[in-house]
N, C-alpha and C. Protein backbone atom coordinates (compact mmCIF):
# COMPACT_ATOMS: atom_id res chain seq x y z
N MET A 1 -13.06 3.16 0.81
CA MET A 1 -13.62 4.08 1.08
C MET A 1 -15.04 3.56 0.39
N LEU A 2 -16.28 3.19 0.57
CA LEU A 2 -16.82 2.61 -0.84
C LEU A 2 -18.58 3.57 -0.78
N ASP A 3 -18.78 3.62 -2.09
CA ASP A 3 -19.98 4.06 -2.40
C ASP A 3 -20.81 3.53 -3.44
N GLY A 4 -21.91 3.70 -3.84
CA GLY A 4 -22.80 2.88 -4.64
C GLY A 4 -24.17 2.28 -3.57
N ASP A 5 -24.67 1.27 -4.23
CA ASP A 5 -25.70 0.98 -4.34
C ASP A 5 -25.90 -1.32 -4.15
N THR A 6 -27.09 -1.43 -4.14
CA THR A 6 -26.84 -2.57 -3.85
C THR A 6 -26.40 -3.60 -5.16
N GLU A 7 -26.65 -2.94 -6.75
CA GLU A 7 -25.97 -3.81 -7.71
C GLU A 7 -24.78 -3.09 -8.20
N SER A 8 -24.02 -1.96 -7.92
CA SER A 8 -22.82 -1.53 -8.23
C SER A 8 -22.42 -0.49 -7.29
N CYS A 9 -20.80 -0.53 -7.24
CA CYS A 9 -20.45 -0.06 -6.19
C CYS A 9 -18.57 0.55 -6.87
N SER A 10 -18.14 1.71 -6.33
CA SER A 10 -16.83 2.03 -6.28
C SER A 10 -16.18 2.05 -5.33
N LEU A 11 -14.80 1.29 -4.88
CA LEU A 11 -14.10 1.15 -3.71
C LEU A 11 -12.48 1.81 -3.68
N LYS A 12 -12.16 2.14 -2.67
CA LYS A 12 -11.22 2.61 -3.24
C LYS A 12 -9.89 1.94 -1.80
N ALA A 13 -9.14 0.77 -1.84
CA ALA A 13 -8.49 0.28 -0.80
C ALA A 13 -7.40 0.88 -1.03
N TYR A 14 -6.14 0.87 0.33
CA TYR A 14 -4.75 1.66 0.48
C TYR A 14 -4.21 0.57 0.66
N ALA A 15 -2.95 0.67 0.20
CA ALA A 15 -2.28 -0.75 0.41
C ALA A 15 -0.37 -0.13 0.42
N TYR A 16 -0.16 -0.73 0.82
CA TYR A 16 1.55 -0.76 0.77
C TYR A 16 2.50 -2.27 0.85
N VAL A 17 3.96 -2.12 0.70
CA VAL A 17 4.46 -3.06 0.41
C VAL A 17 6.22 -2.94 1.29
N THR A 18 6.01 -3.79 1.72
CA THR A 18 7.73 -3.54 2.72
C THR A 18 8.43 -4.30 2.14
N GLU A 19 9.75 -4.56 2.02
CA GLU A 19 10.79 -5.90 1.68
C GLU A 19 11.37 -5.64 3.50
N CYS A 20 11.13 -6.64 3.68
CA CYS A 20 11.42 -7.54 5.25
C CYS A 20 12.52 -8.56 5.03
N GLU A 21 13.75 -7.53 4.71
CA GLU A 21 14.77 -8.44 4.84
C GLU A 21 16.09 -7.88 5.27
N GLY A 22 16.29 -8.43 6.62
CA GLY A 22 17.62 -8.09 7.18
C GLY A 22 16.91 -7.59 8.78
N ASN A 23 17.86 -6.75 9.19
CA ASN A 23 17.06 -5.88 10.25
C ASN A 23 16.12 -4.61 9.77
N PRO A 24 14.88 -4.82 10.91
CA PRO A 24 13.80 -3.50 10.92
C PRO A 24 14.70 -2.04 10.92
N PRO A 25 15.01 -1.13 10.86
CA PRO A 25 12.77 -0.68 9.80
C PRO A 25 13.46 -0.92 8.69
N TYR A 26 12.19 -1.91 7.82
CA TYR A 26 12.43 -2.38 6.49
C TYR A 26 11.82 -1.37 5.18
N THR A 27 12.49 -1.76 4.11
CA THR A 27 12.13 -0.69 3.03
C THR A 27 10.68 -0.32 2.58
N LEU A 28 10.16 0.64 2.55
CA LEU A 28 9.02 0.95 1.45
C LEU A 28 9.07 0.61 0.28
N ARG A 29 8.58 -0.58 -0.22
CA ARG A 29 8.32 -0.64 -2.18
C ARG A 29 7.82 -0.09 -2.67
N PHE A 30 6.36 -0.07 -2.09
CA PHE A 30 5.14 0.27 -2.67
C PHE A 30 4.33 1.45 -1.71
N ALA A 31 3.78 2.33 -1.76
CA ALA A 31 2.42 2.69 -1.06
C ALA A 31 1.49 3.24 -2.06
N GLY A 32 0.36 3.11 -2.19
CA GLY A 32 -0.47 3.53 -2.98
C GLY A 32 -1.97 3.12 -2.76
N TYR A 33 -2.98 3.12 -3.49
CA TYR A 33 -3.84 2.92 -3.80
C TYR A 33 -4.77 2.11 -4.53
N TYR A 34 -5.94 1.18 -4.39
CA TYR A 34 -6.63 0.82 -5.73
C TYR A 34 -7.99 1.45 -5.94
N GLU A 35 -8.22 2.04 -6.68
CA GLU A 35 -10.15 2.51 -7.17
C GLU A 35 -10.20 1.54 -7.98
N ASP A 36 -11.56 0.72 -7.98
CA ASP A 36 -12.13 -0.10 -8.01
C ASP A 36 -13.58 0.18 -8.27
N GLU A 37 -14.16 -0.84 -9.44
CA GLU A 37 -15.62 -0.29 -10.13
C GLU A 37 -15.67 -1.93 -9.68
N LEU A 38 -17.01 -1.74 -9.10
CA LEU A 38 -17.63 -3.38 -9.01
C LEU A 38 -18.97 -3.45 -9.07
N VAL A 39 -19.53 -4.49 -9.71
CA VAL A 39 -20.88 -5.11 -10.31
C VAL A 39 -21.46 -6.19 -9.84
N LYS A 40 -22.45 -5.97 -9.56
CA LYS A 40 -23.33 -7.56 -9.04
C LYS A 40 -23.82 -8.39 -10.21
N PHE A 41 -23.36 -9.54 -10.23
CA PHE A 41 -24.03 -10.53 -11.25
C PHE A 41 -24.71 -11.74 -10.92
N ASP A 42 -25.60 -11.99 -11.18
CA ASP A 42 -26.16 -13.66 -10.28
C ASP A 42 -25.71 -12.99 -9.05
N GLY A 43 -25.61 -12.84 -7.88
CA GLY A 43 -25.79 -12.73 -6.79
C GLY A 43 -24.19 -12.68 -6.66
N ARG A 44 -23.41 -12.14 -7.23
CA ARG A 44 -21.80 -12.19 -7.04
C ARG A 44 -21.32 -10.97 -7.55
N TRP A 45 -20.54 -10.01 -6.63
CA TRP A 45 -19.77 -9.25 -7.01
C TRP A 45 -19.03 -9.53 -7.46
N TYR A 46 -18.17 -8.65 -9.20
CA TYR A 46 -16.98 -9.15 -9.77
C TYR A 46 -16.90 -7.52 -9.93
N PHE A 47 -15.24 -7.68 -10.19
CA PHE A 47 -14.58 -6.50 -10.24
C PHE A 47 -14.90 -6.02 -12.17
N LYS A 48 -15.56 -4.70 -12.35
CA LYS A 48 -15.57 -4.08 -13.60
C LYS A 48 -14.44 -3.37 -14.04
N LYS A 49 -13.50 -2.78 -13.02
CA LYS A 49 -12.69 -2.15 -13.56
C LYS A 49 -11.70 -1.90 -11.76
N ARG A 50 -10.56 -2.07 -12.25
CA ARG A 50 -8.92 -1.89 -11.04
C ARG A 50 -7.98 -0.98 -11.73
N MET A 51 -8.02 0.02 -10.96
CA MET A 51 -6.76 0.75 -11.65
C MET A 51 -5.84 0.67 -9.87
N VAL A 52 -4.52 0.74 -10.32
CA VAL A 52 -3.60 0.73 -9.17
C VAL A 52 -2.91 2.17 -9.23
N ARG A 53 -2.87 2.86 -8.07
CA ARG A 53 -2.22 4.29 -8.40
C ARG A 53 -1.29 4.32 -7.45
N LEU A 54 0.12 5.34 -7.38
CA LEU A 54 0.66 5.35 -6.36
C LEU A 54 0.59 6.61 -5.79
N TRP A 55 0.79 5.96 -4.53
CA TRP A 55 1.24 7.57 -3.57
C TRP A 55 1.93 8.22 -3.50
N GLU A 56 1.78 9.68 -4.12
CA GLU A 56 3.09 10.12 -3.78
C GLU A 56 2.87 11.19 -3.49
N GLY A 57 4.07 12.40 -3.65
CA GLY A 57 3.74 13.81 -3.17
C GLY A 57 4.36 13.90 -1.97
N PRO A 58 4.28 15.20 -1.65
CA PRO A 58 4.74 15.60 -0.07
C PRO A 58 4.37 14.54 1.05
N ALA A 59 3.47 13.23 0.97
CA ALA A 59 3.23 12.68 2.15
C ALA A 59 4.38 11.57 2.52
N LEU A 60 4.90 11.59 1.21
CA LEU A 60 6.10 10.15 1.13
C LEU A 60 7.74 10.83 1.09
N LYS A 61 7.66 12.02 0.78
CA LYS A 61 8.88 12.58 0.41
C LYS A 61 10.41 12.45 1.60
N ASN A 62 9.80 12.09 3.02
CA ASN A 62 10.74 11.60 3.89
C ASN A 62 11.01 10.04 3.84
N PHE A 63 9.97 9.64 3.43
CA PHE A 63 10.63 7.79 3.66
C PHE A 63 12.05 7.58 2.64
N PRO A 64 12.59 6.59 3.06
CA PRO A 64 13.94 5.97 2.84
C PRO A 64 13.43 5.78 0.90
N GLY A 65 14.31 6.00 0.11
CA GLY A 65 14.09 5.50 -1.04
C GLY A 65 13.77 6.59 -2.29
N GLN A 66 12.74 7.33 -1.68
CA GLN A 66 12.23 8.13 -2.40
C GLN A 66 13.09 9.53 -3.35
N THR A 67 14.38 9.61 -2.67
CA THR A 67 15.29 10.27 -3.60
C THR A 67 16.08 9.40 -4.62
N GLY A 68 16.04 7.89 -4.55
CA GLY A 68 16.71 7.53 -5.05
C GLY A 68 17.66 6.50 -4.45
N VAL A 69 17.87 7.41 -2.93
CA VAL A 69 19.10 7.03 -2.19
C VAL A 69 18.82 6.41 -1.04
N ARG A 70 19.36 4.90 -0.60
CA ARG A 70 18.78 4.57 0.89
C ARG A 70 20.10 4.90 1.47
N PRO A 71 19.46 5.08 2.48
CA PRO A 71 20.43 5.31 3.68
C PRO A 71 20.50 3.66 4.55
N GLN A 72 21.85 3.70 5.25
CA GLN A 72 21.58 2.61 5.79
C GLN A 72 21.10 2.82 7.04
N ARG A 73 20.58 1.91 7.89
CA ARG A 73 19.21 1.89 8.81
C ARG A 73 19.48 0.91 9.40
N THR A 74 19.91 1.17 10.94
CA THR A 74 20.16 -0.38 11.75
C THR A 74 18.56 -0.04 12.63
N ARG A 75 18.51 -1.13 13.54
CA ARG A 75 17.38 -1.40 14.14
C ARG A 75 18.03 -0.63 15.51
N PRO A 76 17.09 -0.07 16.42
CA PRO A 76 17.62 0.08 17.87
C PRO A 76 18.18 -0.49 18.44
N PRO A 77 18.79 -0.48 19.55
CA PRO A 77 19.11 -1.16 20.61
C PRO A 77 18.60 -2.10 21.28
N GLU A 78 17.41 -0.93 21.41
CA GLU A 78 15.76 -1.41 22.24
C GLU A 78 15.34 -2.55 21.93
N LEU A 79 15.54 -2.36 20.55
CA LEU A 79 14.48 -3.38 19.74
C LEU A 79 15.42 -4.51 18.99
N VAL A 80 16.37 -4.75 19.15
CA VAL A 80 17.44 -5.81 18.45
C VAL A 80 17.24 -6.75 19.81
N ILE A 81 17.00 -8.31 18.48
CA ILE A 81 16.56 -9.70 19.17
C ILE A 81 17.54 -10.48 19.41
N LYS A 82 17.48 -10.70 20.76
CA LYS A 82 18.57 -11.20 21.43
C LYS A 82 18.41 -12.68 20.80
N LYS A 83 19.16 -13.86 20.62
CA LYS A 83 19.30 -15.12 19.94
C LYS A 83 19.69 -15.74 21.67
């Protein structure tokens, strides 16, 4: 989401990080978003402020690891990579 004009703006960008180790499904390590303020100086854009926010609450309550317990998960047979 972008809001502003030709000299300054605010921006929200969503991000997530997974741990890609072993077989999928992978563990979600971070889900959140950036809240940025940018300004233009000498024709180039610069970050004035950046806040990293966690995406918390009901939307993530069913993701593995949210309760501190990591269930054992394996790849479904139809997705197993045969060597």
